[in-house]
Amino acid sequence: MEDYILRATAGDLQIRAFAAVTRETVEYARAAHNTSPVATAALGRLLTAGAMMGAMMKGDRDILTLKIDGDGPIGGITVTADSRARVKGYVQNPDVLIHANAKGKLDVAGAVGEGELTVIRDIGMKEPYVGRTRLVSGEIAEDLTYYFASSEQIPSAVALGVLMNRENTVRQAGGFIIQLMPGADEEMIATLEQKLAGITSVTSLLDRGMKPEDILEEVLGSFGLEITDKMPVRFYCDCSRERVEKALVSIGEKELTQMIEEGKPVEVKCHFCSHAYHFQPEDLRRLLERAR
């Protein structure tokens, strides 16, 4: 199944919803960064959320950045996405290994620890919108639910999940975000809460063969669900040799000169996709001329 996001409304526009399947995207990130199972789960959850939150934006050049800075062994997670659900991300410590939690599952909360969630929306204004909230659990979905309620005043239900195979490849990945619009009916809210309480995990639904359409129907079918859009999701990095060259020029003449004097090739890896760019001493000399 190719990765995609659905946008939908329900309850006479009192509810808006997003649901996604992201297995291929998360597996691409796992392979690119050689992440451990718990790091894959943490990064995969934030990539899924980033894709859906990116799809909430409208401008072609709008960029969303999600950053989790925790005191756990994973260090931090950074994800960026655009309005076309093209997403990329990385974890600070991709090879982190910790014991399973009390339920016998990957301990994402233990890997993340306590800290802060930052949401940055660059929509072409003079300054980007920046929202920050504390991490309430480190489970990521709960942290984003708290963010929407406290920073944007939008009551939301966020579910995110990554299920791994025994050989540490990604078996299932996906999630949903369901949000109440201002003035939502109290009776409808109560019914929706009951529906959501009956869902154990989004990956269990995906592993039963359910698609995003089925998941939205399960939760919102009784409210007059209307799917309004479908868009592909993919891991996409816009790094290039030209950009890396500009970064090397920006470090200054002194550092470039030291690299040249060492007489060895230099490798620069992109944080987001791990693509390696190689520069010979003669390449560095050319960049030094540009830096002067």
Protein backbone atom coordinates (compact mmCIF):
# COMPACT_ATOMS: atom_id res chain seq x y z
CA MET A 1 0.00 0.00 0.00
CA GLU A 2 1.41 3.37 -1.00
CA ASP A 3 1.56 6.01 1.72
CA TYR A 4 -1.15 8.65 1.70
CA ILE A 5 -3.19 11.05 3.83
CA LEU A 6 -6.94 11.59 3.81
CA ARG A 7 -8.56 14.88 4.75
CA ALA A 8 -12.16 14.69 5.94
CA THR A 9 -14.97 16.50 7.70
CA ALA A 10 -17.89 15.21 9.76
CA GLY A 11 -20.72 16.42 11.97
CA ASP A 12 -21.80 19.23 9.62
CA LEU A 13 -18.25 20.62 9.57
CA GLN A 14 -17.97 20.51 13.37
CA ILE A 15 -15.17 17.94 13.02
CA ARG A 16 -12.12 17.92 10.77
CA ALA A 17 -9.94 14.85 10.48
CA PHE A 18 -6.75 13.54 8.93
CA ALA A 19 -5.72 9.90 8.66
CA ALA A 20 -2.52 8.52 7.20
CA VAL A 21 -0.65 5.35 6.39
CA THR A 22 3.12 5.95 6.38
CA ARG A 23 4.83 2.55 6.39
CA GLU A 24 7.01 3.18 3.33
CA THR A 25 8.01 6.65 4.53
CA VAL A 26 9.05 5.39 7.96
CA GLU A 27 10.87 2.40 6.50
CA TYR A 28 12.80 4.75 4.21
CA ALA A 29 13.83 6.83 7.23
CA ARG A 30 14.81 3.70 9.17
CA ALA A 31 17.05 2.49 6.36
CA ALA A 32 18.55 5.95 5.72
CA HIS A 33 19.48 6.51 9.36
CA ASN A 34 19.96 2.88 10.45
CA THR A 35 17.75 3.54 13.46
CA SER A 36 17.21 1.12 16.32
CA PRO A 37 13.63 -0.16 16.81
CA VAL A 38 12.75 2.39 19.50
CA ALA A 39 14.34 5.23 17.52
CA THR A 40 12.40 4.10 14.44
CA ALA A 41 9.17 4.15 16.44
CA ALA A 42 9.84 7.63 17.83
CA LEU A 43 10.95 9.12 14.52
CA GLY A 44 8.14 7.36 12.65
CA ARG A 45 5.49 8.78 14.95
CA LEU A 46 6.79 12.32 14.50
CA LEU A 47 7.15 11.87 10.73
CA THR A 48 3.52 10.74 10.54
CA ALA A 49 2.36 13.69 12.63
CA GLY A 50 4.49 16.06 10.56
CA ALA A 51 2.98 14.84 7.30
CA MET A 52 -0.58 15.34 8.58
CA MET A 53 0.18 18.73 10.14
CA GLY A 54 1.95 19.79 6.96
CA ALA A 55 -1.20 18.90 5.04
CA MET A 56 -3.08 21.39 7.25
CA MET A 57 -1.12 24.24 5.64
CA LYS A 58 -2.18 25.83 2.35
CA GLY A 59 0.75 27.65 0.74
CA ASP A 60 3.11 25.86 -1.65
CA ARG A 61 6.11 27.28 0.22
CA ASP A 62 4.78 26.78 3.74
CA ILE A 63 7.10 24.74 5.95
CA LEU A 64 6.35 23.02 9.25
CA THR A 65 9.06 22.01 11.70
CA LEU A 66 8.47 19.76 14.72
CA LYS A 67 11.23 19.45 17.32
CA ILE A 68 11.28 17.28 20.40
CA ASP A 69 14.04 18.03 22.88
CA GLY A 70 14.01 15.54 25.73
CA ASP A 71 16.43 14.41 28.41
CA GLY A 72 16.11 10.74 27.44
CA PRO A 73 18.80 8.74 25.62
CA ILE A 74 17.39 9.48 22.16
CA GLY A 75 18.44 13.11 22.63
CA GLY A 76 16.14 14.89 20.22
CA ILE A 77 13.99 14.46 17.12
CA THR A 78 13.52 16.92 14.27
CA VAL A 79 10.98 16.64 11.46
CA THR A 80 10.04 19.07 8.70
CA ALA A 81 7.14 18.85 6.24
CA ASP A 82 5.53 20.94 3.53
CA SER A 83 1.90 21.39 2.49
CA ARG A 84 2.22 18.50 0.01
CA ALA A 85 2.97 16.04 2.84
CA ARG A 86 6.60 15.67 1.80
CA VAL A 87 8.42 14.98 5.03
CA LYS A 88 11.93 14.37 6.35
CA GLY A 89 13.49 13.96 9.77
CA TYR A 90 16.20 12.53 11.98
CA VAL A 91 16.95 11.57 15.57
CA GLN A 92 19.99 12.75 17.48
CA ASN A 93 20.98 9.27 18.71
CA PRO A 94 19.66 6.76 16.13
CA ASP A 95 21.22 3.66 17.69
CA VAL A 96 19.68 4.03 21.17
CA LEU A 97 18.61 0.75 22.80
CA ILE A 98 16.48 0.51 25.93
CA HIS A 99 14.32 -2.17 27.53
CA ALA A 100 10.67 -2.57 26.59
CA ASN A 101 8.10 -0.80 28.77
CA ALA A 102 5.82 -2.47 31.32
CA LYS A 103 3.43 -3.51 28.53
CA GLY A 104 6.23 -5.22 26.64
CA LYS A 105 6.26 -2.60 23.88
CA LEU A 106 8.91 -0.23 22.56
CA ASP A 107 9.48 2.38 25.24
CA VAL A 108 9.29 5.59 23.21
CA ALA A 109 8.45 7.62 26.32
CA GLY A 110 11.54 6.28 28.08
CA ALA A 111 13.72 7.06 25.08
CA VAL A 112 12.40 10.62 24.78
CA GLY A 113 12.20 11.51 28.48
CA GLU A 114 11.05 14.88 29.79
CA GLY A 115 11.48 18.09 27.85
CA GLU A 116 9.86 20.36 25.29
CA LEU A 117 7.92 20.17 22.03
CA THR A 118 8.41 23.03 19.56
CA VAL A 119 6.17 23.63 16.54
CA ILE A 120 7.35 26.14 13.93
CA ARG A 121 5.14 27.18 11.03
CA ASP A 122 6.83 29.28 8.35
CA ILE A 123 3.98 30.53 6.14
CA GLY A 124 5.80 33.38 4.45
CA MET A 125 5.15 36.04 7.06
CA LYS A 126 7.90 38.29 8.44
CA GLU A 127 8.39 35.93 11.37
CA PRO A 128 7.37 32.26 11.62
CA TYR A 129 4.80 31.14 14.18
CA VAL A 130 6.52 29.32 17.05
CA GLY A 131 4.65 27.36 19.71
CA ARG A 132 6.24 25.54 22.62
CA THR A 133 4.77 23.19 25.20
CA ARG A 134 6.22 20.76 27.70
CA LEU A 135 6.26 17.06 26.97
CA VAL A 136 3.46 15.55 29.01
CA SER A 137 4.43 11.91 28.44
CA GLY A 138 7.06 11.53 25.72
CA GLU A 139 4.66 9.28 23.80
CA ILE A 140 4.46 12.00 21.09
CA ALA A 141 0.76 11.56 20.27
CA GLU A 142 -0.21 12.65 23.78
CA ASP A 143 2.29 15.50 23.60
CA LEU A 144 0.77 16.76 20.35
CA THR A 145 -2.75 16.44 21.79
CA TYR A 146 -1.63 18.66 24.66
CA TYR A 147 0.04 21.09 22.25
CA PHE A 148 -3.11 21.55 20.15
CA ALA A 149 -5.22 22.14 23.26
CA SER A 150 -2.88 24.48 25.11
CA SER A 151 -1.10 26.37 22.32
CA GLU A 152 -3.74 26.49 19.56
CA GLN A 153 -6.88 26.00 21.68
CA ILE A 154 -8.12 23.22 19.39
CA PRO A 155 -9.48 20.13 21.18
CA SER A 156 -7.85 17.23 19.32
CA ALA A 157 -7.36 13.50 19.43
CA VAL A 158 -3.98 12.39 18.06
CA ALA A 159 -3.09 8.73 17.49
CA LEU A 160 0.28 7.67 16.09
CA GLY A 161 1.90 4.28 15.82
CA VAL A 162 4.79 2.27 14.39
CA LEU A 163 4.85 -1.53 14.50
CA MET A 164 8.12 -3.33 13.82
CA ASN A 165 8.86 -6.74 12.30
CA ARG A 166 11.21 -9.11 14.11
CA GLU A 167 13.99 -8.30 11.65
CA ASN A 168 13.56 -4.63 12.67
CA THR A 169 11.93 -3.44 9.46
CA VAL A 170 8.70 -1.46 9.65
CA ARG A 171 5.55 -3.58 9.56
CA GLN A 172 2.92 -0.85 9.98
CA ALA A 173 2.94 2.92 10.50
CA GLY A 174 0.24 5.53 10.48
CA GLY A 175 -2.02 7.72 12.55
CA PHE A 176 -4.90 10.14 12.69
CA ILE A 177 -5.69 13.61 13.98
CA ILE A 178 -9.31 14.45 14.77
CA GLN A 179 -10.16 18.02 15.76
CA LEU A 180 -13.28 19.76 17.04
CA MET A 181 -14.20 23.06 15.48
CA PRO A 182 -15.51 25.99 17.58
CA GLY A 183 -19.10 25.52 18.72
CA ALA A 184 -19.10 21.72 18.42
CA ASP A 185 -22.21 20.10 19.90
CA GLU A 186 -21.75 18.66 23.43
CA GLU A 187 -23.66 15.48 22.65
CA MET A 188 -21.54 14.87 19.58
CA ILE A 189 -18.38 15.44 21.63
CA ALA A 190 -19.48 12.84 24.19
CA THR A 191 -20.25 10.29 21.47
CA LEU A 192 -16.92 10.93 19.77
CA GLU A 193 -15.05 10.45 23.04
CA GLN A 194 -16.72 7.06 23.46
CA LYS A 195 -15.72 6.05 19.95
CA LEU A 196 -12.10 7.07 20.51
CA ALA A 197 -11.96 5.27 23.86
CA GLY A 198 -12.66 2.00 22.04
CA ILE A 199 -9.55 2.23 19.85
CA THR A 200 -6.59 0.46 21.41
CA SER A 201 -3.92 1.44 18.87
CA VAL A 202 -3.80 2.68 15.31
CA THR A 203 -1.24 0.03 14.33
CA SER A 204 -3.55 -2.76 15.48
CA LEU A 205 -6.20 -1.41 13.09
CA LEU A 206 -3.69 -1.20 10.23
CA ASP A 207 -2.42 -4.70 11.00
CA ARG A 208 -5.99 -5.96 10.64
CA GLY A 209 -5.92 -4.69 7.07
CA MET A 210 -7.77 -1.45 7.67
CA LYS A 211 -6.95 1.56 5.50
CA PRO A 212 -7.20 5.23 6.51
CA GLU A 213 -10.69 5.26 4.96
CA ASP A 214 -11.73 2.38 7.21
CA ILE A 215 -10.26 4.00 10.32
CA LEU A 216 -12.10 7.27 9.69
CA GLU A 217 -15.31 5.34 9.02
CA GLU A 218 -14.82 3.44 12.28
CA VAL A 219 -14.50 6.65 14.28
CA LEU A 220 -16.60 9.16 12.37
CA GLY A 221 -18.98 7.13 10.21
CA SER A 222 -21.98 7.90 12.41
CA PHE A 223 -21.35 11.65 12.09
CA GLY A 224 -21.75 11.88 8.33
CA LEU A 225 -18.14 11.40 7.30
CA GLU A 226 -17.08 13.18 4.10
CA ILE A 227 -13.61 12.56 2.69
CA THR A 228 -12.51 15.76 0.96
CA ASP A 229 -8.99 15.06 -0.25
CA LYS A 230 -6.32 12.40 -0.67
CA MET A 231 -2.63 13.15 -1.07
CA PRO A 232 0.51 11.00 -1.26
CA VAL A 233 3.06 11.00 1.56
CA ARG A 234 6.76 10.50 0.95
CA PHE A 235 10.14 11.05 2.54
CA TYR A 236 11.66 13.92 0.60
CA CYS A 237 14.91 15.78 1.23
CA ASP A 238 15.89 18.85 -0.79
CA CYS A 239 19.58 18.72 0.08
CA SER A 240 22.04 19.13 -2.81
CA ARG A 241 25.75 19.44 -3.42
CA GLU A 242 25.25 23.15 -4.10
CA ARG A 243 23.68 23.66 -0.67
CA VAL A 244 26.47 21.74 1.04
CA GLU A 245 29.04 23.85 -0.81
CA LYS A 246 27.36 27.02 0.47
CA ALA A 247 27.49 25.60 4.00
CA LEU A 248 31.21 24.87 3.67
CA VAL A 249 31.87 28.37 2.34
CA SER A 250 29.99 29.80 5.32
CA ILE A 251 32.35 28.19 7.87
CA GLY A 252 35.06 30.64 6.85
CA GLU A 253 38.55 30.79 5.40
CA LYS A 254 40.37 29.54 8.50
CA GLU A 255 38.47 26.25 8.77
CA LEU A 256 38.60 25.60 5.03
CA THR A 257 42.34 26.24 4.99
CA GLN A 258 42.84 23.73 7.82
CA MET A 259 40.88 21.09 5.86
CA ILE A 260 42.98 21.72 2.76
CA GLU A 261 46.27 21.50 4.70
CA GLU A 262 45.26 18.09 6.06
CA GLY A 263 45.20 16.92 2.43
CA LYS A 264 42.37 14.43 2.93
CA PRO A 265 38.95 14.12 1.28
CA VAL A 266 36.09 15.55 3.35
CA GLU A 267 32.71 13.84 3.72
CA VAL A 268 29.64 15.86 4.66
CA LYS A 269 26.41 14.01 5.49
CA CYS A 270 22.93 15.50 5.38
CA HIS A 271 21.27 15.29 8.82
CA PHE A 272 17.87 14.61 7.30
CA CYS A 273 18.56 11.89 4.73
CA SER A 274 22.16 10.77 5.49
CA HIS A 275 23.24 11.32 1.88
CA ALA A 276 27.01 11.77 1.80
CA TYR A 277 28.74 14.46 -0.23
CA HIS A 278 32.48 14.09 -0.85
CA PHE A 279 34.96 16.88 -1.45
CA GLN A 280 38.56 16.43 -2.58
CA PRO A 281 41.25 18.97 -1.52
CA GLU A 282 41.00 20.63 -4.95
CA ASP A 283 37.24 21.08 -4.41
CA LEU A 284 37.97 22.74 -1.08
CA ARG A 285 40.51 25.07 -2.70
CA ARG A 286 37.83 26.20 -5.14
CA LEU A 287 35.45 26.85 -2.25
CA LEU A 288 38.17 28.77 -0.40
CA GLU A 289 38.40 31.15 -3.35
CA ARG A 290 34.66 31.72 -3.06
CA ALA A 291 34.97 32.36 0.67
CA ARG A 292 37.52 35.16 0.18
